[in-house]
Amino acid sequence: MLNRTKRYILNPVLLLILLAGQAYGQTCYAPERPFVPTDPQDVQEYRDLIGRDFETYIADIQSYFRCLEEERARAFEEAREVSEEYGRFLQITGE
């Protein structure tokens, strides 16, 4: 009975270890928020630099959102594939 219990535990664990090595997710890094000084005089003095920081942030946040969406789609597809593989695994092992 103990060997059968070990098999129930080890088979899914081994499957997960093998599948984990095949996962190639991408890391999406959120851009840093632009800094805006609290002193209105500093804002005026550095307005060009601050404006460019905002423009850069807006472009970067759009790229970040695209990255998140691509990773989400990849993860869903991977989960679907793993579910199918798990079903085949259960059929093979008669579970």
PDB file of N, CA and C in Angstrom:
ATOM      1  N   MET A   1       0.827  -1.197   0.000  1.00  0.00           N
ATOM      2  CA  MET A   1       0.000   0.000   0.000  1.00  0.00           C
ATOM      3  C   MET A   1       0.866   1.254   0.000  1.00  0.00           C
ATOM      4  N   LEU A   2       1.967   1.214   0.755  1.00  0.00           N
ATOM      5  CA  LEU A   2       2.864   2.367   0.837  1.00  0.00           C
ATOM      6  C   LEU A   2       3.482   2.669  -0.525  1.00  0.00           C
ATOM      7  N   ASN A   3       3.871   1.629  -1.266  1.00  0.00           N
ATOM      8  CA  ASN A   3       4.448   1.847  -2.594  1.00  0.00           C
ATOM      9  C   ASN A   3       3.440   2.494  -3.540  1.00  0.00           C
ATOM     10  N   ARG A   4       2.196   2.082  -3.442  1.00  0.00           N
ATOM     11  CA  ARG A   4       1.158   2.670  -4.300  1.00  0.00           C
ATOM     12  C   ARG A   4       0.955   4.141  -3.949  1.00  0.00           C
ATOM     13  N   THR A   5       0.977   4.464  -2.674  1.00  0.00           N
ATOM     14  CA  THR A   5       0.839   5.854  -2.231  1.00  0.00           C
ATOM     15  C   THR A   5       2.012   6.679  -2.727  1.00  0.00           C
ATOM     16  N   LYS A   6       3.205   6.157  -2.632  1.00  0.00           N
ATOM     17  CA  LYS A   6       4.387   6.861  -3.137  1.00  0.00           C
ATOM     18  C   LYS A   6       4.251   7.123  -4.636  1.00  0.00           C
ATOM     19  N   ARG A   7       3.738   6.128  -5.364  1.00  0.00           N
ATOM     20  CA  ARG A   7       3.574   6.292  -6.808  1.00  0.00           C
ATOM     21  C   ARG A   7       2.606   7.425  -7.122  1.00  0.00           C
ATOM     22  N   TYR A   8       1.520   7.536  -6.366  1.00  0.00           N
ATOM     23  CA  TYR A   8       0.551   8.606  -6.582  1.00  0.00           C
ATOM     24  C   TYR A   8       1.182   9.974  -6.338  1.00  0.00           C
ATOM     25  N   ILE A   9       2.103  10.028  -5.409  1.00  0.00           N
ATOM     26  CA  ILE A   9       2.747  11.302  -5.090  1.00  0.00           C
ATOM     27  C   ILE A   9       3.880  11.589  -6.062  1.00  0.00           C
ATOM     28  N   LEU A  10       4.702  10.596  -6.345  1.00  0.00           N
ATOM     29  CA  LEU A  10       5.888  10.817  -7.171  1.00  0.00           C
ATOM     30  C   LEU A  10       5.558  11.080  -8.630  1.00  0.00           C
ATOM     31  N   ASN A  11       4.595  10.379  -9.205  1.00  0.00           N
ATOM     32  CA  ASN A  11       4.299  10.568 -10.620  1.00  0.00           C
ATOM     33  C   ASN A  11       3.921  12.007 -10.952  1.00  0.00           C
ATOM     34  N   PRO A  12       2.969  12.612 -10.262  1.00  0.00           N
ATOM     35  CA  PRO A  12       2.654  14.018 -10.576  1.00  0.00           C
ATOM     36  C   PRO A  12       3.823  14.953 -10.295  1.00  0.00           C
ATOM     37  N   VAL A  13       4.587  14.662  -9.242  1.00  0.00           N
ATOM     38  CA  VAL A  13       5.732  15.513  -8.921  1.00  0.00           C
ATOM     39  C   VAL A  13       6.777  15.433 -10.031  1.00  0.00           C
ATOM     40  N   LEU A  14       7.077  14.236 -10.491  1.00  0.00           N
ATOM     41  CA  LEU A  14       8.041  14.085 -11.583  1.00  0.00           C
ATOM     42  C   LEU A  14       7.544  14.759 -12.853  1.00  0.00           C
ATOM     43  N   LEU A  15       6.260  14.632 -13.122  1.00  0.00           N
ATOM     44  CA  LEU A  15       5.677  15.283 -14.289  1.00  0.00           C
ATOM     45  C   LEU A  15       5.842  16.800 -14.192  1.00  0.00           C
ATOM     46  N   LEU A  16       5.553  17.343 -13.032  1.00  0.00           N
ATOM     47  CA  LEU A  16       5.690  18.790 -12.851  1.00  0.00           C
ATOM     48  C   LEU A  16       7.135  19.243 -12.997  1.00  0.00           C
ATOM     49  N   ILE A  17       8.064  18.462 -12.484  1.00  0.00           N
ATOM     50  CA  ILE A  17       9.482  18.817 -12.609  1.00  0.00           C
ATOM     51  C   ILE A  17       9.896  18.819 -14.080  1.00  0.00           C
ATOM     52  N   LEU A  18       9.480  17.809 -14.815  1.00  0.00           N
ATOM     53  CA  LEU A  18       9.821  17.747 -16.241  1.00  0.00           C
ATOM     54  C   LEU A  18       9.195  18.903 -17.009  1.00  0.00           C
ATOM     55  N   LEU A  19       7.950  19.203 -16.714  1.00  0.00           N
ATOM     56  CA  LEU A  19       7.264  20.282 -17.423  1.00  0.00           C
ATOM     57  C   LEU A  19       7.801  21.648 -17.022  1.00  0.00           C
ATOM     58  N   ALA A  20       8.210  21.795 -15.790  1.00  0.00           N
ATOM     59  CA  ALA A  20       8.738  23.084 -15.328  1.00  0.00           C
ATOM     60  C   ALA A  20       9.993  23.459 -16.108  1.00  0.00           C
ATOM     61  N   GLY A  21      10.784  22.477 -16.488  1.00  0.00           N
ATOM     62  CA  GLY A  21      11.981  22.754 -17.260  1.00  0.00           C
ATOM     63  C   GLY A  21      11.673  23.250 -18.655  1.00  0.00           C
ATOM     64  N   GLN A  22      10.432  23.037 -19.114  1.00  0.00           N
ATOM     65  CA  GLN A  22      10.052  23.440 -20.451  1.00  0.00           C
ATOM     66  C   GLN A  22       9.365  24.807 -20.480  1.00  0.00           C
ATOM     67  N   ALA A  23       9.074  25.351 -19.336  1.00  0.00           N
ATOM     68  CA  ALA A  23       8.355  26.634 -19.280  1.00  0.00           C
ATOM     69  C   ALA A  23       9.327  27.772 -19.572  1.00  0.00           C
ATOM     70  N   TYR A  24       8.934  28.613 -20.494  1.00  0.00           N
ATOM     71  CA  TYR A  24       9.784  29.731 -20.868  1.00  0.00           C
ATOM     72  C   TYR A  24       8.987  31.025 -20.792  1.00  0.00           C
ATOM     73  N   GLY A  25       8.641  31.412 -19.606  1.00  0.00           N
ATOM     74  CA  GLY A  25       7.895  32.649 -19.424  1.00  0.00           C
ATOM     75  C   GLY A  25       8.828  33.838 -19.531  1.00  0.00           C
ATOM     76  N   GLN A  26       8.244  34.951 -19.868  1.00  0.00           N
ATOM     77  CA  GLN A  26       9.058  36.156 -19.914  1.00  0.00           C
ATOM     78  C   GLN A  26       8.739  37.014 -18.702  1.00  0.00           C
ATOM     79  N   THR A  27       9.697  37.768 -18.290  1.00  0.00           N
ATOM     80  CA  THR A  27       9.509  38.659 -17.164  1.00  0.00           C
ATOM     81  C   THR A  27       9.194  40.043 -17.697  1.00  0.00           C
ATOM     82  N   CYS A  28       8.130  40.603 -17.193  1.00  0.00           N
ATOM     83  CA  CYS A  28       7.702  41.938 -17.604  1.00  0.00           C
ATOM     84  C   CYS A  28       8.026  42.907 -16.464  1.00  0.00           C
ATOM     85  N   TYR A  29       8.762  43.923 -16.775  1.00  0.00           N
ATOM     86  CA  TYR A  29       9.153  44.893 -15.756  1.00  0.00           C
ATOM     87  C   TYR A  29       8.377  46.190 -15.941  1.00  0.00           C
ATOM     88  N   ALA A  30       7.703  46.591 -14.883  1.00  0.00           N
ATOM     89  CA  ALA A  30       6.943  47.839 -14.923  1.00  0.00           C
ATOM     90  C   ALA A  30       7.923  49.014 -14.918  1.00  0.00           C
ATOM     91  N   PRO A  31       7.627  50.022 -15.706  1.00  0.00           N
ATOM     92  CA  PRO A  31       8.515  51.190 -15.718  1.00  0.00           C
ATOM     93  C   PRO A  31       8.374  51.992 -14.423  1.00  0.00           C
ATOM     94  N   GLU A  32       9.397  52.728 -14.140  1.00  0.00           N
ATOM     95  CA  GLU A  32       9.388  53.581 -12.951  1.00  0.00           C
ATOM     96  C   GLU A  32       8.574  54.837 -13.242  1.00  0.00           C
ATOM     97  N   ARG A  33       7.786  55.236 -12.255  1.00  0.00           N
ATOM     98  CA  ARG A  33       6.979  56.454 -12.415  1.00  0.00           C
ATOM     99  C   ARG A  33       7.888  57.666 -12.561  1.00  0.00           C
ATOM    100  N   PRO A  34       7.490  58.620 -13.372  1.00  0.00           N
ATOM    101  CA  PRO A  34       8.286  59.849 -13.505  1.00  0.00           C
ATOM    102  C   PRO A  34       8.270  60.640 -12.193  1.00  0.00           C
ATOM    103  N   PHE A  35       9.371  61.255 -11.902  1.00  0.00           N
ATOM    104  CA  PHE A  35       9.472  62.096 -10.716  1.00  0.00           C
ATOM    105  C   PHE A  35       9.080  63.519 -11.093  1.00  0.00           C
ATOM    106  N   VAL A  36       8.213  64.087 -10.273  1.00  0.00           N
ATOM    107  CA  VAL A  36       7.819  65.482 -10.468  1.00  0.00           C
ATOM    108  C   VAL A  36       8.139  66.222  -9.171  1.00  0.00           C
ATOM    109  N   PRO A  37       9.011  67.209  -9.253  1.00  0.00           N
ATOM    110  CA  PRO A  37       9.337  67.961  -8.041  1.00  0.00           C
ATOM    111  C   PRO A  37       8.100  68.657  -7.476  1.00  0.00           C
ATOM    112  N   THR A  38       8.112  68.874  -6.171  1.00  0.00           N
ATOM    113  CA  THR A  38       6.984  69.560  -5.539  1.00  0.00           C
ATOM    114  C   THR A  38       7.116  71.082  -5.656  1.00  0.00           C
ATOM    115  N   ASP A  39       8.308  71.546  -5.872  1.00  0.00           N
ATOM    116  CA  ASP A  39       8.555  72.990  -5.994  1.00  0.00           C
ATOM    117  C   ASP A  39       8.204  73.442  -7.417  1.00  0.00           C
ATOM    118  N   PRO A  40       7.221  74.328  -7.555  1.00  0.00           N
ATOM    119  CA  PRO A  40       6.828  74.793  -8.897  1.00  0.00           C
ATOM    120  C   PRO A  40       7.980  75.409  -9.692  1.00  0.00           C
ATOM    121  N   GLN A  41       8.911  76.033  -9.018  1.00  0.00           N
ATOM    122  CA  GLN A  41      10.058  76.624  -9.709  1.00  0.00           C
ATOM    123  C   GLN A  41      10.923  75.519 -10.333  1.00  0.00           C
ATOM    124  N   ASP A  42      11.126  74.428  -9.604  1.00  0.00           N
ATOM    125  CA  ASP A  42      11.885  73.297 -10.144  1.00  0.00           C
ATOM    126  C   ASP A  42      11.149  72.670 -11.331  1.00  0.00           C
ATOM    127  N   VAL A  43       9.837  72.598 -11.236  1.00  0.00           N
ATOM    128  CA  VAL A  43       9.047  72.056 -12.345  1.00  0.00           C
ATOM    129  C   VAL A  43       9.277  72.896 -13.592  1.00  0.00           C
ATOM    130  N   GLN A  44       9.225  74.214 -13.437  1.00  0.00           N
ATOM    131  CA  GLN A  44       9.448  75.101 -14.578  1.00  0.00           C
ATOM    132  C   GLN A  44      10.864  74.950 -15.121  1.00  0.00           C
ATOM    133  N   GLU A  45      11.822  74.874 -14.226  1.00  0.00           N
ATOM    134  CA  GLU A  45      13.223  74.796 -14.648  1.00  0.00           C
ATOM    135  C   GLU A  45      13.520  73.500 -15.403  1.00  0.00           C
ATOM    136  N   TYR A  46      12.895  72.414 -14.985  1.00  0.00           N
ATOM    137  CA  TYR A  46      13.186  71.100 -15.575  1.00  0.00           C
ATOM    138  C   TYR A  46      12.022  70.557 -16.408  1.00  0.00           C
ATOM    139  N   ARG A  47      11.161  71.436 -16.883  1.00  0.00           N
ATOM    140  CA  ARG A  47       9.946  70.984 -17.574  1.00  0.00           C
ATOM    141  C   ARG A  47      10.242  70.134 -18.806  1.00  0.00           C
ATOM    142  N   ASP A  48      11.276  70.454 -19.566  1.00  0.00           N
ATOM    143  CA  ASP A  48      11.600  69.643 -20.745  1.00  0.00           C
ATOM    144  C   ASP A  48      12.005  68.222 -20.337  1.00  0.00           C
ATOM    145  N   LEU A  49      12.846  68.133 -19.334  1.00  0.00           N
ATOM    146  CA  LEU A  49      13.308  66.824 -18.844  1.00  0.00           C
ATOM    147  C   LEU A  49      12.132  66.035 -18.263  1.00  0.00           C
ATOM    148  N   ILE A  50      11.311  66.683 -17.470  1.00  0.00           N
ATOM    149  CA  ILE A  50      10.150  66.018 -16.874  1.00  0.00           C
ATOM    150  C   ILE A  50       9.173  65.576 -17.966  1.00  0.00           C
ATOM    151  N   GLY A  51       8.952  66.424 -18.946  1.00  0.00           N
ATOM    152  CA  GLY A  51       8.066  66.074 -20.059  1.00  0.00           C
ATOM    153  C   GLY A  51       8.566  64.847 -20.798  1.00  0.00           C
ATOM    154  N   ARG A  52       9.878  64.786 -21.045  1.00  0.00           N
ATOM    155  CA  ARG A  52      10.449  63.607 -21.717  1.00  0.00           C
ATOM    156  C   ARG A  52      10.290  62.362 -20.840  1.00  0.00           C
ATOM    157  N   ASP A  53      10.445  62.537 -19.525  1.00  0.00           N
ATOM    158  CA  ASP A  53      10.259  61.397 -18.619  1.00  0.00           C
ATOM    159  C   ASP A  53       8.830  60.857 -18.708  1.00  0.00           C
ATOM    160  N   PHE A  54       7.848  61.761 -18.782  1.00  0.00           N
ATOM    161  CA  PHE A  54       6.460  61.319 -18.922  1.00  0.00           C
ATOM    162  C   PHE A  54       6.233  60.614 -20.249  1.00  0.00           C
ATOM    163  N   GLU A  55       6.769  61.148 -21.317  1.00  0.00           N
ATOM    164  CA  GLU A  55       6.615  60.517 -22.632  1.00  0.00           C
ATOM    165  C   GLU A  55       7.258  59.135 -22.661  1.00  0.00           C
ATOM    166  N   THR A  56       8.423  59.034 -22.051  1.00  0.00           N
ATOM    167  CA  THR A  56       9.104  57.741 -21.962  1.00  0.00           C
ATOM    168  C   THR A  56       8.274  56.765 -21.142  1.00  0.00           C
ATOM    169  N   TYR A  57       7.739  57.241 -20.030  1.00  0.00           N
ATOM    170  CA  TYR A  57       6.909  56.380 -19.188  1.00  0.00           C
ATOM    171  C   TYR A  57       5.695  55.869 -19.966  1.00  0.00           C
ATOM    172  N   ILE A  58       5.029  56.739 -20.670  1.00  0.00           N
ATOM    173  CA  ILE A  58       3.835  56.339 -21.416  1.00  0.00           C
ATOM    174  C   ILE A  58       4.175  55.276 -22.462  1.00  0.00           C
ATOM    175  N   ALA A  59       5.270  55.454 -23.165  1.00  0.00           N
ATOM    176  CA  ALA A  59       5.697  54.450 -24.148  1.00  0.00           C
ATOM    177  C   ALA A  59       6.067  53.137 -23.449  1.00  0.00           C
ATOM    178  N   ASP A  60       6.782  53.255 -22.338  1.00  0.00           N
ATOM    179  CA  ASP A  60       7.213  52.051 -21.619  1.00  0.00           C
ATOM    180  C   ASP A  60       6.049  51.305 -20.985  1.00  0.00           C
ATOM    181  N   ILE A  61       5.052  52.024 -20.469  1.00  0.00           N
ATOM    182  CA  ILE A  61       3.919  51.342 -19.847  1.00  0.00           C
ATOM    183  C   ILE A  61       3.096  50.603 -20.899  1.00  0.00           C
ATOM    184  N   GLN A  62       3.042  51.154 -22.121  1.00  0.00           N
ATOM    185  CA  GLN A  62       2.351  50.452 -23.201  1.00  0.00           C
ATOM    186  C   GLN A  62       3.089  49.157 -23.541  1.00  0.00           C
ATOM    187  N   SER A  63       4.413  49.215 -23.580  1.00  0.00           N
ATOM    188  CA  SER A  63       5.205  48.001 -23.821  1.00  0.00           C
ATOM    189  C   SER A  63       5.014  46.996 -22.692  1.00  0.00           C
ATOM    190  N   TYR A  64       4.938  47.500 -21.481  1.00  0.00           N
ATOM    191  CA  TYR A  64       4.722  46.646 -20.316  1.00  0.00           C
ATOM    192  C   TYR A  64       3.375  45.927 -20.420  1.00  0.00           C
ATOM    193  N   PHE A  65       2.322  46.659 -20.788  1.00  0.00           N
ATOM    194  CA  PHE A  65       1.010  46.041 -20.943  1.00  0.00           C
ATOM    195  C   PHE A  65       1.040  44.969 -22.028  1.00  0.00           C
ATOM    196  N   ARG A  66       1.737  45.242 -23.138  1.00  0.00           N
ATOM    197  CA  ARG A  66       1.852  44.240 -24.209  1.00  0.00           C
ATOM    198  C   ARG A  66       2.574  42.995 -23.691  1.00  0.00           C
ATOM    199  N   CYS A  67       3.627  43.213 -22.932  1.00  0.00           N
ATOM    200  CA  CYS A  67       4.393  42.095 -22.369  1.00  0.00           C
ATOM    201  C   CYS A  67       3.503  41.253 -21.460  1.00  0.00           C
ATOM    202  N   LEU A  68       2.735  41.915 -20.593  1.00  0.00           N
ATOM    203  CA  LEU A  68       1.840  41.185 -19.691  1.00  0.00           C
ATOM    204  C   LEU A  68       0.815  40.367 -20.469  1.00  0.00           C
ATOM    205  N   GLU A  69       0.267  40.954 -21.514  1.00  0.00           N
ATOM    206  CA  GLU A  69      -0.734  40.251 -22.315  1.00  0.00           C
ATOM    207  C   GLU A  69      -0.113  39.053 -23.034  1.00  0.00           C
ATOM    208  N   GLU A  70       1.097  39.224 -23.564  1.00  0.00           N
ATOM    209  CA  GLU A  70       1.781  38.112 -24.227  1.00  0.00           C
ATOM    210  C   GLU A  70       2.082  36.998 -23.228  1.00  0.00           C
ATOM    211  N   GLU A  71       2.518  37.361 -22.040  1.00  0.00           N
ATOM    212  CA  GLU A  71       2.829  36.362 -21.017  1.00  0.00           C
ATOM    213  C   GLU A  71       1.555  35.665 -20.552  1.00  0.00           C
ATOM    214  N   ARG A  72       0.479  36.403 -20.416  1.00  0.00           N
ATOM    215  CA  ARG A  72      -0.799  35.824 -20.032  1.00  0.00           C
ATOM    216  C   ARG A  72      -1.253  34.805 -21.078  1.00  0.00           C
ATOM    217  N   ALA A  73      -1.169  35.157 -22.344  1.00  0.00           N
ATOM    218  CA  ALA A  73      -1.565  34.253 -23.419  1.00  0.00           C
ATOM    219  C   ALA A  73      -0.674  33.014 -23.429  1.00  0.00           C
ATOM    220  N   ARG A  74       0.624  33.204 -23.242  1.00  0.00           N
ATOM    221  CA  ARG A  74       1.555  32.076 -23.214  1.00  0.00           C
ATOM    222  C   ARG A  74       1.237  31.148 -22.047  1.00  0.00           C
ATOM    223  N   ALA A  75       0.971  31.725 -20.883  1.00  0.00           N
ATOM    224  CA  ALA A  75       0.681  30.916 -19.700  1.00  0.00           C
ATOM    225  C   ALA A  75      -0.621  30.139 -19.865  1.00  0.00           C
ATOM    226  N   PHE A  76      -1.647  30.754 -20.448  1.00  0.00           N
ATOM    227  CA  PHE A  76      -2.897  30.043 -20.689  1.00  0.00           C
ATOM    228  C   PHE A  76      -2.684  28.880 -21.648  1.00  0.00           C
ATOM    229  N   GLU A  77      -1.934  29.105 -22.711  1.00  0.00           N
ATOM    230  CA  GLU A  77      -1.659  28.039 -23.673  1.00  0.00           C
ATOM    231  C   GLU A  77      -0.872  26.912 -23.003  1.00  0.00           C
ATOM    232  N   GLU A  78       0.114  27.272 -22.215  1.00  0.00           N
ATOM    233  CA  GLU A  78       0.896  26.263 -21.501  1.00  0.00           C
ATOM    234  C   GLU A  78      -0.005  25.465 -20.553  1.00  0.00           C
ATOM    235  N   ALA A  79      -0.882  26.142 -19.824  1.00  0.00           N
ATOM    236  CA  ALA A  79      -1.789  25.455 -18.896  1.00  0.00           C
ATOM    237  C   ALA A  79      -2.712  24.498 -19.648  1.00  0.00           C
ATOM    238  N   ARG A  80      -3.171  24.908 -20.818  1.00  0.00           N
ATOM    239  CA  ARG A  80      -4.014  24.028 -21.630  1.00  0.00           C
ATOM    240  C   ARG A  80      -3.242  22.782 -22.049  1.00  0.00           C
ATOM    241  N   GLU A  81      -2.003  22.990 -22.511  1.00  0.00           N
ATOM    242  CA  GLU A  81      -1.172  21.861 -22.933  1.00  0.00           C
ATOM    243  C   GLU A  81      -0.881  20.926 -21.764  1.00  0.00           C
ATOM    244  N   VAL A  82      -0.570  21.490 -20.608  1.00  0.00           N
ATOM    245  CA  VAL A  82      -0.270  20.675 -19.434  1.00  0.00           C
ATOM    246  C   VAL A  82      -1.504  19.883 -19.014  1.00  0.00           C
ATOM    247  N   SER A  83      -2.670  20.498 -19.092  1.00  0.00           N
ATOM    248  CA  SER A  83      -3.904  19.788 -18.746  1.00  0.00           C
ATOM    249  C   SER A  83      -4.114  18.594 -19.673  1.00  0.00           C
ATOM    250  N   GLU A  84      -3.866  18.792 -20.967  1.00  0.00           N
ATOM    251  CA  GLU A  84      -3.995  17.682 -21.917  1.00  0.00           C
ATOM    252  C   GLU A  84      -2.965  16.593 -21.618  1.00  0.00           C
ATOM    253  N   GLU A  85      -1.734  17.004 -21.327  1.00  0.00           N
ATOM    254  CA  GLU A  85      -0.692  16.030 -21.002  1.00  0.00           C
ATOM    255  C   GLU A  85      -1.038  15.268 -19.730  1.00  0.00           C
ATOM    256  N   TYR A  86      -1.603  15.957 -18.771  1.00  0.00           N
ATOM    257  CA  TYR A  86      -1.999  15.307 -17.529  1.00  0.00           C
ATOM    258  C   TYR A  86      -3.108  14.292 -17.792  1.00  0.00           C
ATOM    259  N   GLY A  87      -4.044  14.638 -18.663  1.00  0.00           N
ATOM    260  CA  GLY A  87      -5.091  13.693 -19.030  1.00  0.00           C
ATOM    261  C   GLY A  87      -4.515  12.442 -19.666  1.00  0.00           C
ATOM    262  N   ARG A  88      -3.548  12.625 -20.580  1.00  0.00           N
ATOM    263  CA  ARG A  88      -2.896  11.472 -21.209  1.00  0.00           C
ATOM    264  C   ARG A  88      -2.133  10.652 -20.169  1.00  0.00           C
ATOM    265  N   PHE A  89      -1.481  11.350 -19.254  1.00  0.00           N
ATOM    266  CA  PHE A  89      -0.749  10.678 -18.176  1.00  0.00           C
ATOM    267  C   PHE A  89      -1.695   9.809 -17.350  1.00  0.00           C
ATOM    268  N   LEU A  90      -2.854  10.344 -17.001  1.00  0.00           N
ATOM    269  CA  LEU A  90      -3.819   9.582 -16.208  1.00  0.00           C
ATOM    270  C   LEU A  90      -4.349   8.378 -16.980  1.00  0.00           C
ATOM    271  N   GLN A  91      -4.535   8.534 -18.291  1.00  0.00           N
ATOM    272  CA  GLN A  91      -4.986   7.396 -19.112  1.00  0.00           C
ATOM    273  C   GLN A  91      -3.930   6.302 -19.151  1.00  0.00           C
ATOM    274  N   ILE A  92      -2.680   6.694 -19.308  1.00  0.00           N
ATOM    275  CA  ILE A  92      -1.588   5.717 -19.389  1.00  0.00           C
ATOM    276  C   ILE A  92      -1.433   4.963 -18.074  1.00  0.00           C
ATOM    277  N   THR A  93      -1.552   5.680 -16.962  1.00  0.00           N
ATOM    278  CA  THR A  93      -1.350   5.058 -15.663  1.00  0.00           C
ATOM    279  C   THR A  93      -2.623   4.393 -15.138  1.00  0.00           C
ATOM    280  N   GLY A  94      -3.745   4.550 -15.876  1.00  0.00           N
ATOM    281  CA  GLY A  94      -4.979   3.917 -15.492  1.00  0.00           C
ATOM    282  C   GLY A  94      -5.639   4.541 -14.282  1.00  0.00           C
ATOM    283  N   GLU A  95      -5.420   5.808 -14.101  1.00  0.00           N
ATOM    284  CA  GLU A  95      -5.984   6.487 -12.921  1.00  0.00           C
ATOM    285  C   GLU A  95      -7.219   7.255 -13.277  1.00  0.00           C
TER     286      GLU A  95
END
